[in-house]
Amino acid sequence: MSKKPKETQANTKLFKDGLLYRNISATLTEQCKRIGITPTTLSKLSGIHTSTIKYFRTSQKTGKPFSVGTFFGLAKALQLDFDQVLPPHGGALEPFPPPLTQKDVDSLAVAAKALETSKPDLLRLMKTLSEMGKPTNPAIEETAAVFAAESGFKVPGSLEILIMIGRRVRSLRIVRGLGRSELRGISGVPFSSIFAIEAGLQNPSMQTLYQLAEALQAPISFFFKTDPETEKNQIDLERRAASIIACGQISSVNEMLSTVEYLFRTASGTSPFESS
């Protein structure tokens, strides 16, 4: 038996009896009538199939749910302001942190470039060590997971909007100091869905995104807008999130650095009694 969704404000106020789905559908349908655009033309402009558009239009009567991908495509094609179309999510808003200083940004860029240059060698080292270690310890399978994640950065056929929303959810979650399990508890969105949304692999319903926006204390329009100011906020949040993740790995980095000398001595066959 499936677990009942958490009674967030998004669930109890905005989506009761499909109210928000009805209102959004009515607003976009009215815009189509106002500018005299047919479903066929809207399909060409938005890239959304006409059958999906017809389903979307009937939602103003049925209140049936639709995805963020459908909403985004239609709203962009109709040149609507997300702030005007989407009501606030009902939760308390938490301001975004102040932007990083230019000195911090420059330092992060230099460090990231150095790591990116070293990544092929590090991946090759992990693969070599894994292959050498398996005969003695068959349980070593960490490298397989690393290479699977590496190939997953480029997901063919993913909608650009889903990747954008996923990155914003992930970076904001990290900056707010929440793990996925904690976000699940606050939002009522399943852990697996949060993971898939952050990876850009799931086209969530509008209700799901509202629940996440409420839990992350961010304006719902932040996840859709593509203006320079919003994109600037996204970039800064991602930089902060990256630094937070890296900070949490400092002890692992220290351990790795202390192992480097041991690996070098082992690989070169240097006697443990010889001084370097």
Foldseek 3Di string as FASTA:
>chain_A
DDDDFDPDLLVPPVCVQLNLLLQLLVVLVVLCVVVVHDLVRLCVQLVNDSVVNVVSNCCNPRSDWDFPSVSLSSCVSSVHDPPVSDDFLPAAADDQDDFDDPVLVVVLVVVVVVCVVCVVVVLVVVVVVLVVCCVVPVVPDVSVVVVVVVVLLDDPPQDPLLQLLLLQLVLLCLVVPHDLVRLCVQLSDDSVVNVCSNSSNDRHIPSSLSSSCNSSNHGSCLSRDDDPVSVVSSVRSNSVSVVSVVVVCVVVVVVVVVCVVVVVCVVVVPDPPDDD
